[in-house]
Protein backbone atom coordinates (compact mmCIF):
# COMPACT_ATOMS: atom_id res chain seq x y z
CA UNK A 1 0.00 0.00 0.00
CA UNK A 2 1.22 3.52 -0.81
CA UNK A 3 2.54 5.73 1.94
CA UNK A 4 -0.13 8.48 2.03
CA UNK A 5 -1.57 11.04 4.42
CA UNK A 6 -5.00 12.62 4.58
CA UNK A 7 -5.45 16.34 3.97
CA UNK A 8 -8.49 17.99 5.54
CA UNK A 9 -9.84 21.37 4.46
CA UNK A 10 -13.06 23.27 4.98
CA UNK A 11 -14.44 24.51 1.67
CA UNK A 12 -17.62 26.41 0.85
CA UNK A 13 -20.26 23.93 -0.37
CA UNK A 14 -20.94 25.81 -3.61
CA UNK A 15 -17.24 26.20 -4.44
CA UNK A 16 -16.67 22.49 -3.77
CA UNK A 17 -19.60 21.38 -5.92
CA UNK A 18 -18.68 23.66 -8.82
CA UNK A 19 -15.00 22.68 -8.76
CA UNK A 20 -15.75 18.96 -8.47
CA UNK A 21 -18.16 19.17 -11.43
CA UNK A 22 -15.34 20.62 -13.55
CA UNK A 23 -12.87 18.02 -12.29
CA UNK A 24 -15.35 15.25 -13.13
CA UNK A 25 -15.64 16.55 -16.70
CA UNK A 26 -11.85 16.41 -16.89
CA UNK A 27 -11.81 12.88 -15.45
CA UNK A 28 -9.82 14.00 -12.40
CA UNK A 29 -10.70 13.10 -8.83
CA UNK A 30 -10.47 15.74 -6.10
CA UNK A 31 -7.64 13.73 -4.52
CA UNK A 32 -5.72 13.72 -7.82
CA UNK A 33 -6.25 17.49 -8.20
CA UNK A 34 -4.86 18.09 -4.69
CA UNK A 35 -1.90 15.78 -5.47
CA UNK A 36 -1.24 17.80 -8.65
CA UNK A 37 -1.44 21.09 -6.74
CA UNK A 38 0.99 19.90 -4.07
CA UNK A 39 3.38 18.53 -6.73
CA UNK A 40 3.36 21.89 -8.53
CA UNK A 41 3.97 23.75 -5.25
CA UNK A 42 7.08 21.61 -4.72
CA UNK A 43 8.24 21.97 -8.34
CA UNK A 44 7.82 25.76 -8.41
CA UNK A 45 8.76 26.33 -4.76
CA UNK A 46 5.53 28.31 -4.37
CA UNK A 47 2.02 28.54 -5.72
CA UNK A 48 1.65 27.54 -9.39
CA UNK A 49 -0.30 30.74 -10.05
CA UNK A 50 -0.06 34.38 -9.01
CA UNK A 51 -2.71 35.22 -6.42
CA UNK A 52 -4.09 38.65 -7.24
CA UNK A 53 -7.23 40.74 -7.25
CA UNK A 54 -8.63 41.23 -10.78
CA UNK A 55 -7.88 44.77 -11.97
CA UNK A 56 -11.47 45.53 -12.97
CA UNK A 57 -13.04 44.65 -9.65
CA UNK A 58 -12.58 47.24 -6.89
CA UNK A 59 -13.23 45.93 -3.39
CA UNK A 60 -14.60 49.17 -1.99
CA UNK A 61 -15.57 52.69 -3.02
CA UNK A 62 -12.01 53.74 -2.13
CA UNK A 63 -10.74 51.41 -4.85
CA UNK A 64 -12.66 53.17 -7.63
CA UNK A 65 -10.78 55.26 -10.16
CA UNK A 66 -11.56 58.92 -10.72
CA UNK A 67 -13.20 57.94 -14.03
CA UNK A 68 -15.45 55.40 -12.33
CA UNK A 69 -16.44 57.94 -9.70
CA UNK A 70 -17.02 60.65 -12.33
CA UNK A 71 -19.22 58.25 -14.31
CA UNK A 72 -21.54 58.07 -11.31
CA UNK A 73 -22.19 61.83 -11.31
CA UNK A 74 -25.81 62.61 -11.99
CA UNK A 75 -26.97 59.45 -10.22
CA UNK A 76 -29.26 60.38 -7.33
CA UNK A 77 -27.53 59.72 -4.02
CA UNK A 78 -30.18 57.22 -2.90
CA UNK A 79 -29.56 55.17 -6.08
CA UNK A 80 -25.75 55.30 -6.04
CA UNK A 81 -25.31 52.28 -3.75
CA UNK A 82 -27.47 50.15 -6.05
CA UNK A 83 -25.53 51.30 -9.13
CA UNK A 84 -22.15 50.47 -7.55
CA UNK A 85 -23.45 47.15 -6.24
CA UNK A 86 -24.73 46.15 -9.67
CA UNK A 87 -21.72 47.32 -11.64
CA UNK A 88 -18.89 46.44 -9.26
CA UNK A 89 -20.38 44.11 -6.66
CA UNK A 90 -19.58 46.52 -3.81
PDB file of N, CA and C in Angstrom:
ATOM      1  N   UNK A   1       0.846  -1.182   0.000  1.00  0.00           N
ATOM      2  CA  UNK A   1       0.000   0.000   0.000  1.00  0.00           C
ATOM      3  C   UNK A   1       0.891   1.245   0.000  1.00  0.00           C
ATOM      4  N   UNK A   2       0.458   2.282  -0.709  1.00  0.00           N
ATOM      5  CA  UNK A   2       1.216   3.524  -0.809  1.00  0.00           C
ATOM      6  C   UNK A   2       1.293   4.228   0.536  1.00  0.00           C
ATOM      7  N   UNK A   3       2.361   4.954   0.729  1.00  0.00           N
ATOM      8  CA  UNK A   3       2.541   5.729   1.944  1.00  0.00           C
ATOM      9  C   UNK A   3       1.860   7.083   1.732  1.00  0.00           C
ATOM     10  N   UNK A   4       0.648   7.253   2.247  1.00  0.00           N
ATOM     11  CA  UNK A   4      -0.129   8.478   2.027  1.00  0.00           C
ATOM     12  C   UNK A   4      -0.611   9.064   3.338  1.00  0.00           C
ATOM     13  N   UNK A   5      -0.982  10.336   3.277  1.00  0.00           N
ATOM     14  CA  UNK A   5      -1.565  11.043   4.418  1.00  0.00           C
ATOM     15  C   UNK A   5      -2.837  11.726   3.959  1.00  0.00           C
ATOM     16  N   UNK A   6      -3.755  11.917   4.885  1.00  0.00           N
ATOM     17  CA  UNK A   6      -4.998  12.622   4.580  1.00  0.00           C
ATOM     18  C   UNK A   6      -4.784  14.129   4.742  1.00  0.00           C
ATOM     19  N   UNK A   7      -5.450  14.885   3.881  1.00  0.00           N
ATOM     20  CA  UNK A   7      -5.455  16.338   3.970  1.00  0.00           C
ATOM     21  C   UNK A   7      -6.897  16.753   4.200  1.00  0.00           C
ATOM     22  N   UNK A   8      -7.141  17.546   5.218  1.00  0.00           N
ATOM     23  CA  UNK A   8      -8.493  17.995   5.536  1.00  0.00           C
ATOM     24  C   UNK A   8      -8.582  19.502   5.335  1.00  0.00           C
ATOM     25  N   UNK A   9      -9.641  19.941   4.683  1.00  0.00           N
ATOM     26  CA  UNK A   9      -9.838  21.373   4.460  1.00  0.00           C
ATOM     27  C   UNK A   9     -11.327  21.674   4.487  1.00  0.00           C
ATOM     28  N   UNK A  10     -11.667  22.823   4.993  1.00  0.00           N
ATOM     29  CA  UNK A  10     -13.059  23.269   4.980  1.00  0.00           C
ATOM     30  C   UNK A  10     -13.232  24.151   3.761  1.00  0.00           C
ATOM     31  N   UNK A  11     -14.215  23.800   2.925  1.00  0.00           N
ATOM     32  CA  UNK A  11     -14.442  24.511   1.668  1.00  0.00           C
ATOM     33  C   UNK A  11     -15.928  24.810   1.545  1.00  0.00           C
ATOM     34  N   UNK A  12     -16.243  26.014   1.090  1.00  0.00           N
ATOM     35  CA  UNK A  12     -17.623  26.409   0.853  1.00  0.00           C
ATOM     36  C   UNK A  12     -18.317  25.354  -0.019  1.00  0.00           C
ATOM     37  N   UNK A  13     -19.539  24.979   0.343  1.00  0.00           N
ATOM     38  CA  UNK A  13     -20.264  23.928  -0.372  1.00  0.00           C
ATOM     39  C   UNK A  13     -20.412  24.215  -1.861  1.00  0.00           C
ATOM     40  N   UNK A  14     -20.749  25.457  -2.207  1.00  0.00           N
ATOM     41  CA  UNK A  14     -20.938  25.815  -3.615  1.00  0.00           C
ATOM     42  C   UNK A  14     -19.626  25.744  -4.380  1.00  0.00           C
ATOM     43  N   UNK A  15     -18.552  26.248  -3.795  1.00  0.00           N
ATOM     44  CA  UNK A  15     -17.244  26.197  -4.444  1.00  0.00           C
ATOM     45  C   UNK A  15     -16.838  24.749  -4.672  1.00  0.00           C
ATOM     46  N   UNK A  16     -17.022  23.913  -3.669  1.00  0.00           N
ATOM     47  CA  UNK A  16     -16.666  22.493  -3.768  1.00  0.00           C
ATOM     48  C   UNK A  16     -17.452  21.816  -4.883  1.00  0.00           C
ATOM     49  N   UNK A  17     -18.749  22.024  -4.908  1.00  0.00           N
ATOM     50  CA  UNK A  17     -19.595  21.378  -5.915  1.00  0.00           C
ATOM     51  C   UNK A  17     -19.222  21.836  -7.327  1.00  0.00           C
ATOM     52  N   UNK A  18     -19.018  23.131  -7.495  1.00  0.00           N
ATOM     53  CA  UNK A  18     -18.684  23.656  -8.821  1.00  0.00           C
ATOM     54  C   UNK A  18     -17.321  23.152  -9.290  1.00  0.00           C
ATOM     55  N   UNK A  19     -16.340  23.156  -8.394  1.00  0.00           N
ATOM     56  CA  UNK A  19     -15.001  22.679  -8.760  1.00  0.00           C
ATOM     57  C   UNK A  19     -15.015  21.186  -9.066  1.00  0.00           C
ATOM     58  N   UNK A  20     -15.716  20.404  -8.251  1.00  0.00           N
ATOM     59  CA  UNK A  20     -15.751  18.959  -8.473  1.00  0.00           C
ATOM     60  C   UNK A  20     -16.490  18.601  -9.756  1.00  0.00           C
ATOM     61  N   UNK A  21     -17.475  19.407 -10.149  1.00  0.00           N
ATOM     62  CA  UNK A  21     -18.162  19.170 -11.425  1.00  0.00           C
ATOM     63  C   UNK A  21     -17.184  19.363 -12.591  1.00  0.00           C
ATOM     64  N   UNK A  22     -16.345  20.383 -12.502  1.00  0.00           N
ATOM     65  CA  UNK A  22     -15.341  20.621 -13.549  1.00  0.00           C
ATOM     66  C   UNK A  22     -14.312  19.502 -13.556  1.00  0.00           C
ATOM     67  N   UNK A  23     -13.839  19.120 -12.378  1.00  0.00           N
ATOM     68  CA  UNK A  23     -12.874  18.024 -12.289  1.00  0.00           C
ATOM     69  C   UNK A  23     -13.452  16.735 -12.874  1.00  0.00           C
ATOM     70  N   UNK A  24     -14.721  16.464 -12.601  1.00  0.00           N
ATOM     71  CA  UNK A  24     -15.353  15.247 -13.132  1.00  0.00           C
ATOM     72  C   UNK A  24     -15.363  15.269 -14.651  1.00  0.00           C
ATOM     73  N   UNK A  25     -15.654  16.432 -15.237  1.00  0.00           N
ATOM     74  CA  UNK A  25     -15.644  16.547 -16.698  1.00  0.00           C
ATOM     75  C   UNK A  25     -14.250  16.305 -17.259  1.00  0.00           C
ATOM     76  N   UNK A  26     -13.227  16.632 -16.476  1.00  0.00           N
ATOM     77  CA  UNK A  26     -11.847  16.411 -16.888  1.00  0.00           C
ATOM     78  C   UNK A  26     -11.374  14.988 -16.575  1.00  0.00           C
ATOM     79  N   UNK A  27     -12.185  14.233 -15.834  1.00  0.00           N
ATOM     80  CA  UNK A  27     -11.806  12.879 -15.447  1.00  0.00           C
ATOM     81  C   UNK A  27     -10.771  12.854 -14.333  1.00  0.00           C
ATOM     82  N   UNK A  28     -10.785  13.882 -13.498  1.00  0.00           N
ATOM     83  CA  UNK A  28      -9.816  14.003 -12.404  1.00  0.00           C
ATOM     84  C   UNK A  28     -10.563  13.967 -11.079  1.00  0.00           C
ATOM     85  N   UNK A  29     -10.096  13.147 -10.158  1.00  0.00           N
ATOM     86  CA  UNK A  29     -10.703  13.102  -8.830  1.00  0.00           C
ATOM     87  C   UNK A  29     -10.201  14.287  -8.005  1.00  0.00           C
ATOM     88  N   UNK A  30     -10.968  14.686  -6.989  1.00  0.00           N
ATOM     89  CA  UNK A  30     -10.472  15.742  -6.103  1.00  0.00           C
ATOM     90  C   UNK A  30      -9.118  15.391  -5.483  1.00  0.00           C
ATOM     91  N   UNK A  31      -8.923  14.146  -5.105  1.00  0.00           N
ATOM     92  CA  UNK A  31      -7.637  13.731  -4.524  1.00  0.00           C
ATOM     93  C   UNK A  31      -6.497  13.908  -5.522  1.00  0.00           C
ATOM     94  N   UNK A  32      -6.746  13.549  -6.783  1.00  0.00           N
ATOM     95  CA  UNK A  32      -5.715  13.725  -7.816  1.00  0.00           C
ATOM     96  C   UNK A  32      -5.412  15.204  -8.037  1.00  0.00           C
ATOM     97  N   UNK A  33      -6.456  16.047  -8.009  1.00  0.00           N
ATOM     98  CA  UNK A  33      -6.249  17.489  -8.196  1.00  0.00           C
ATOM     99  C   UNK A  33      -5.392  18.055  -7.065  1.00  0.00           C
ATOM    100  N   UNK A  34      -5.651  17.623  -5.833  1.00  0.00           N
ATOM    101  CA  UNK A  34      -4.856  18.091  -4.694  1.00  0.00           C
ATOM    102  C   UNK A  34      -3.422  17.586  -4.818  1.00  0.00           C
ATOM    103  N   UNK A  35      -3.252  16.337  -5.248  1.00  0.00           N
ATOM    104  CA  UNK A  35      -1.903  15.780  -5.470  1.00  0.00           C
ATOM    105  C   UNK A  35      -1.159  16.600  -6.520  1.00  0.00           C
ATOM    106  N   UNK A  36      -1.860  16.980  -7.608  1.00  0.00           N
ATOM    107  CA  UNK A  36      -1.242  17.802  -8.655  1.00  0.00           C
ATOM    108  C   UNK A  36      -0.843  19.171  -8.098  1.00  0.00           C
ATOM    109  N   UNK A  37      -1.733  19.784  -7.326  1.00  0.00           N
ATOM    110  CA  UNK A  37      -1.439  21.086  -6.738  1.00  0.00           C
ATOM    111  C   UNK A  37      -0.203  21.008  -5.859  1.00  0.00           C
ATOM    112  N   UNK A  38      -0.153  20.040  -4.965  1.00  0.00           N
ATOM    113  CA  UNK A  38       0.993  19.899  -4.072  1.00  0.00           C
ATOM    114  C   UNK A  38       2.276  19.633  -4.860  1.00  0.00           C
ATOM    115  N   UNK A  39       2.204  18.819  -5.901  1.00  0.00           N
ATOM    116  CA  UNK A  39       3.382  18.533  -6.731  1.00  0.00           C
ATOM    117  C   UNK A  39       3.891  19.800  -7.405  1.00  0.00           C
ATOM    118  N   UNK A  40       2.970  20.640  -7.893  1.00  0.00           N
ATOM    119  CA  UNK A  40       3.357  21.893  -8.532  1.00  0.00           C
ATOM    120  C   UNK A  40       3.947  22.882  -7.520  1.00  0.00           C
ATOM    121  N   UNK A  41       3.415  22.897  -6.305  1.00  0.00           N
ATOM    122  CA  UNK A  41       3.970  23.754  -5.253  1.00  0.00           C
ATOM    123  C   UNK A  41       5.426  23.378  -4.993  1.00  0.00           C
ATOM    124  N   UNK A  42       5.703  22.086  -4.934  1.00  0.00           N
ATOM    125  CA  UNK A  42       7.078  21.610  -4.717  1.00  0.00           C
ATOM    126  C   UNK A  42       7.950  21.981  -5.909  1.00  0.00           C
ATOM    127  N   UNK A  43       7.476  21.704  -7.124  1.00  0.00           N
ATOM    128  CA  UNK A  43       8.244  21.969  -8.336  1.00  0.00           C
ATOM    129  C   UNK A  43       8.592  23.437  -8.488  1.00  0.00           C
ATOM    130  N   UNK A  44       7.623  24.318  -8.209  1.00  0.00           N
ATOM    131  CA  UNK A  44       7.819  25.756  -8.406  1.00  0.00           C
ATOM    132  C   UNK A  44       8.302  26.480  -7.154  1.00  0.00           C
ATOM    133  N   UNK A  45       8.376  25.731  -6.038  1.00  0.00           N
ATOM    134  CA  UNK A  45       8.763  26.330  -4.764  1.00  0.00           C
ATOM    135  C   UNK A  45       7.833  27.480  -4.394  1.00  0.00           C
ATOM    136  N   UNK A  46       6.557  27.310  -4.660  1.00  0.00           N
ATOM    137  CA  UNK A  46       5.534  28.313  -4.367  1.00  0.00           C
ATOM    138  C   UNK A  46       4.260  27.936  -5.088  1.00  0.00           C
ATOM    139  N   UNK A  47       3.294  28.808  -5.050  1.00  0.00           N
ATOM    140  CA  UNK A  47       2.024  28.539  -5.721  1.00  0.00           C
ATOM    141  C   UNK A  47       2.223  28.509  -7.235  1.00  0.00           C
ATOM    142  N   UNK A  48       1.500  27.639  -7.942  1.00  0.00           N
ATOM    143  CA  UNK A  48       1.646  27.541  -9.390  1.00  0.00           C
ATOM    144  C   UNK A  48       0.827  28.596 -10.136  1.00  0.00           C
ATOM    145  N   UNK A  49       0.438  29.629  -9.459  1.00  0.00           N
ATOM    146  CA  UNK A  49      -0.300  30.742 -10.049  1.00  0.00           C
ATOM    147  C   UNK A  49      -0.006  31.973  -9.201  1.00  0.00           C
ATOM    148  N   UNK A  50      -0.279  33.140  -9.744  1.00  0.00           N
ATOM    149  CA  UNK A  50      -0.058  34.379  -9.011  1.00  0.00           C
ATOM    150  C   UNK A  50      -1.370  34.820  -8.380  1.00  0.00           C
ATOM    151  N   UNK A  51      -1.478  34.752  -7.053  1.00  0.00           N
ATOM    152  CA  UNK A  51      -2.710  35.221  -6.421  1.00  0.00           C
ATOM    153  C   UNK A  51      -2.803  36.740  -6.556  1.00  0.00           C
ATOM    154  N   UNK A  52      -3.919  37.210  -7.078  1.00  0.00           N
ATOM    155  CA  UNK A  52      -4.091  38.647  -7.241  1.00  0.00           C
ATOM    156  C   UNK A  52      -5.568  38.977  -7.326  1.00  0.00           C
ATOM    157  N   UNK A  53      -5.864  40.230  -7.125  1.00  0.00           N
ATOM    158  CA  UNK A  53      -7.226  40.740  -7.251  1.00  0.00           C
ATOM    159  C   UNK A  53      -7.391  41.222  -8.687  1.00  0.00           C
ATOM    160  N   UNK A  54      -8.431  40.778  -9.403  1.00  0.00           N
ATOM    161  CA  UNK A  54      -8.628  41.229 -10.783  1.00  0.00           C
ATOM    162  C   UNK A  54      -8.685  42.755 -10.850  1.00  0.00           C
ATOM    163  N   UNK A  55      -8.009  43.321 -11.846  1.00  0.00           N
ATOM    164  CA  UNK A  55      -7.883  44.772 -11.966  1.00  0.00           C
ATOM    165  C   UNK A  55      -9.223  45.484 -12.102  1.00  0.00           C
ATOM    166  N   UNK A  56     -10.199  44.868 -12.730  1.00  0.00           N
ATOM    167  CA  UNK A  56     -11.466  45.532 -12.972  1.00  0.00           C
ATOM    168  C   UNK A  56     -12.475  45.412 -11.854  1.00  0.00           C
ATOM    169  N   UNK A  57     -12.075  44.890 -10.719  1.00  0.00           N
ATOM    170  CA  UNK A  57     -13.039  44.650  -9.648  1.00  0.00           C
ATOM    171  C   UNK A  57     -12.603  45.318  -8.351  1.00  0.00           C
ATOM    172  N   UNK A  58     -12.937  46.595  -8.151  1.00  0.00           N
ATOM    173  CA  UNK A  58     -12.582  47.243  -6.887  1.00  0.00           C
ATOM    174  C   UNK A  58     -13.303  46.574  -5.720  1.00  0.00           C
ATOM    175  N   UNK A  59     -12.653  46.567  -4.571  1.00  0.00           N
ATOM    176  CA  UNK A  59     -13.229  45.928  -3.392  1.00  0.00           C
ATOM    177  C   UNK A  59     -14.054  46.887  -2.544  1.00  0.00           C
ATOM    178  N   UNK A  60     -13.860  48.185  -2.755  1.00  0.00           N
ATOM    179  CA  UNK A  60     -14.603  49.175  -1.990  1.00  0.00           C
ATOM    180  C   UNK A  60     -14.682  50.453  -2.818  1.00  0.00           C
ATOM    181  N   UNK A  61     -15.461  51.407  -2.335  1.00  0.00           N
ATOM    182  CA  UNK A  61     -15.568  52.695  -3.016  1.00  0.00           C
ATOM    183  C   UNK A  61     -14.193  53.350  -3.118  1.00  0.00           C
ATOM    184  N   UNK A  62     -13.346  53.138  -2.114  1.00  0.00           N
ATOM    185  CA  UNK A  62     -12.012  53.737  -2.126  1.00  0.00           C
ATOM    186  C   UNK A  62     -11.161  53.194  -3.269  1.00  0.00           C
ATOM    187  N   UNK A  63     -11.497  52.014  -3.773  1.00  0.00           N
ATOM    188  CA  UNK A  63     -10.741  51.408  -4.853  1.00  0.00           C
ATOM    189  C   UNK A  63     -11.175  51.847  -6.237  1.00  0.00           C
ATOM    190  N   UNK A  64     -12.181  52.706  -6.328  1.00  0.00           N
ATOM    191  CA  UNK A  64     -12.656  53.172  -7.629  1.00  0.00           C
ATOM    192  C   UNK A  64     -11.723  54.240  -8.196  1.00  0.00           C
ATOM    193  N   UNK A  65     -11.590  54.236  -9.511  1.00  0.00           N
ATOM    194  CA  UNK A  65     -10.779  55.258 -10.163  1.00  0.00           C
ATOM    195  C   UNK A  65     -11.576  56.549 -10.253  1.00  0.00           C
ATOM    196  N   UNK A  66     -10.888  57.629 -10.554  1.00  0.00           N
ATOM    197  CA  UNK A  66     -11.563  58.923 -10.724  1.00  0.00           C
ATOM    198  C   UNK A  66     -12.595  58.798 -11.847  1.00  0.00           C
ATOM    199  N   UNK A  67     -12.258  58.115 -12.925  1.00  0.00           N
ATOM    200  CA  UNK A  67     -13.196  57.941 -14.031  1.00  0.00           C
ATOM    201  C   UNK A  67     -14.452  57.192 -13.618  1.00  0.00           C
ATOM    202  N   UNK A  68     -14.285  56.156 -12.795  1.00  0.00           N
ATOM    203  CA  UNK A  68     -15.445  55.404 -12.326  1.00  0.00           C
ATOM    204  C   UNK A  68     -16.314  56.271 -11.426  1.00  0.00           C
ATOM    205  N   UNK A  69     -15.677  57.054 -10.577  1.00  0.00           N
ATOM    206  CA  UNK A  69     -16.442  57.943  -9.701  1.00  0.00           C
ATOM    207  C   UNK A  69     -17.143  59.028 -10.516  1.00  0.00           C
ATOM    208  N   UNK A  70     -16.424  59.609 -11.492  1.00  0.00           N
ATOM    209  CA  UNK A  70     -17.024  60.649 -12.331  1.00  0.00           C
ATOM    210  C   UNK A  70     -18.207  60.115 -13.123  1.00  0.00           C
ATOM    211  N   UNK A  71     -18.134  58.851 -13.537  1.00  0.00           N
ATOM    212  CA  UNK A  71     -19.223  58.254 -14.313  1.00  0.00           C
ATOM    213  C   UNK A  71     -20.504  58.148 -13.491  1.00  0.00           C
ATOM    214  N   UNK A  72     -20.366  58.188 -12.167  1.00  0.00           N
ATOM    215  CA  UNK A  72     -21.544  58.067 -11.307  1.00  0.00           C
ATOM    216  C   UNK A  72     -22.223  59.412 -11.065  1.00  0.00           C
ATOM    217  N   UNK A  73     -21.590  60.507 -11.515  1.00  0.00           N
ATOM    218  CA  UNK A  73     -22.192  61.830 -11.307  1.00  0.00           C
ATOM    219  C   UNK A  73     -23.527  61.888 -12.023  1.00  0.00           C
ATOM    220  N   UNK A  74     -24.470  62.518 -11.413  1.00  0.00           N
ATOM    221  CA  UNK A  74     -25.809  62.609 -11.986  1.00  0.00           C
ATOM    222  C   UNK A  74     -26.724  61.501 -11.494  1.00  0.00           C
ATOM    223  N   UNK A  75     -26.152  60.505 -10.804  1.00  0.00           N
ATOM    224  CA  UNK A  75     -26.972  59.447 -10.219  1.00  0.00           C
ATOM    225  C   UNK A  75     -27.455  59.953  -8.871  1.00  0.00           C
ATOM    226  N   UNK A  76     -28.759  59.935  -8.637  1.00  0.00           N
ATOM    227  CA  UNK A  76     -29.255  60.384  -7.332  1.00  0.00           C
ATOM    228  C   UNK A  76     -28.583  59.606  -6.200  1.00  0.00           C
ATOM    229  N   UNK A  77     -28.272  60.320  -5.129  1.00  0.00           N
ATOM    230  CA  UNK A  77     -27.534  59.719  -4.016  1.00  0.00           C
ATOM    231  C   UNK A  77     -28.180  58.439  -3.507  1.00  0.00           C
ATOM    232  N   UNK A  78     -29.510  58.415  -3.426  1.00  0.00           N
ATOM    233  CA  UNK A  78     -30.183  57.224  -2.900  1.00  0.00           C
ATOM    234  C   UNK A  78     -30.108  56.036  -3.859  1.00  0.00           C
ATOM    235  N   UNK A  79     -29.698  56.266  -5.112  1.00  0.00           N
ATOM    236  CA  UNK A  79     -29.557  55.173  -6.075  1.00  0.00           C
ATOM    237  C   UNK A  79     -28.102  54.758  -6.284  1.00  0.00           C
ATOM    238  N   UNK A  80     -27.165  55.558  -5.788  1.00  0.00           N
ATOM    239  CA  UNK A  80     -25.748  55.304  -6.036  1.00  0.00           C
ATOM    240  C   UNK A  80     -25.300  53.944  -5.517  1.00  0.00           C
ATOM    241  N   UNK A  81     -25.710  53.573  -4.308  1.00  0.00           N
ATOM    242  CA  UNK A  81     -25.310  52.281  -3.754  1.00  0.00           C
ATOM    243  C   UNK A  81     -25.749  51.141  -4.653  1.00  0.00           C
ATOM    244  N   UNK A  82     -26.968  51.214  -5.165  1.00  0.00           N
ATOM    245  CA  UNK A  82     -27.466  50.153  -6.046  1.00  0.00           C
ATOM    246  C   UNK A  82     -26.675  50.094  -7.345  1.00  0.00           C
ATOM    247  N   UNK A  83     -26.304  51.260  -7.888  1.00  0.00           N
ATOM    248  CA  UNK A  83     -25.526  51.300  -9.130  1.00  0.00           C
ATOM    249  C   UNK A  83     -24.163  50.654  -8.911  1.00  0.00           C
ATOM    250  N   UNK A  84     -23.466  51.039  -7.814  1.00  0.00           N
ATOM    251  CA  UNK A  84     -22.148  50.467  -7.547  1.00  0.00           C
ATOM    252  C   UNK A  84     -22.248  48.977  -7.227  1.00  0.00           C
ATOM    253  N   UNK A  85     -23.290  48.570  -6.543  1.00  0.00           N
ATOM    254  CA  UNK A  85     -23.455  47.151  -6.239  1.00  0.00           C
ATOM    255  C   UNK A  85     -23.670  46.348  -7.506  1.00  0.00           C
ATOM    256  N   UNK A  86     -24.462  46.863  -8.414  1.00  0.00           N
ATOM    257  CA  UNK A  86     -24.731  46.146  -9.668  1.00  0.00           C
ATOM    258  C   UNK A  86     -23.497  46.100 -10.569  1.00  0.00           C
ATOM    259  N   UNK A  87     -22.834  47.246 -10.706  1.00  0.00           N
ATOM    260  CA  UNK A  87     -21.722  47.322 -11.641  1.00  0.00           C
ATOM    261  C   UNK A  87     -20.434  46.693 -11.118  1.00  0.00           C
ATOM    262  N   UNK A  88     -20.169  46.883  -9.815  1.00  0.00           N
ATOM    263  CA  UNK A  88     -18.890  46.444  -9.259  1.00  0.00           C
ATOM    264  C   UNK A  88     -19.013  45.405  -8.148  1.00  0.00           C
ATOM    265  N   UNK A  89     -20.214  45.083  -7.734  1.00  0.00           N
ATOM    266  CA  UNK A  89     -20.384  44.113  -6.660  1.00  0.00           C
ATOM    267  C   UNK A  89     -19.950  44.629  -5.305  1.00  0.00           C
ATOM    268  N   UNK A  90     -19.988  45.957  -5.117  1.00  0.00           N
ATOM    269  CA  UNK A  90     -19.580  46.519  -3.806  1.00  0.00           C
ATOM    270  C   UNK A  90     -20.706  47.336  -3.223  1.00  0.00           C
TER     271      UNK A  90
END
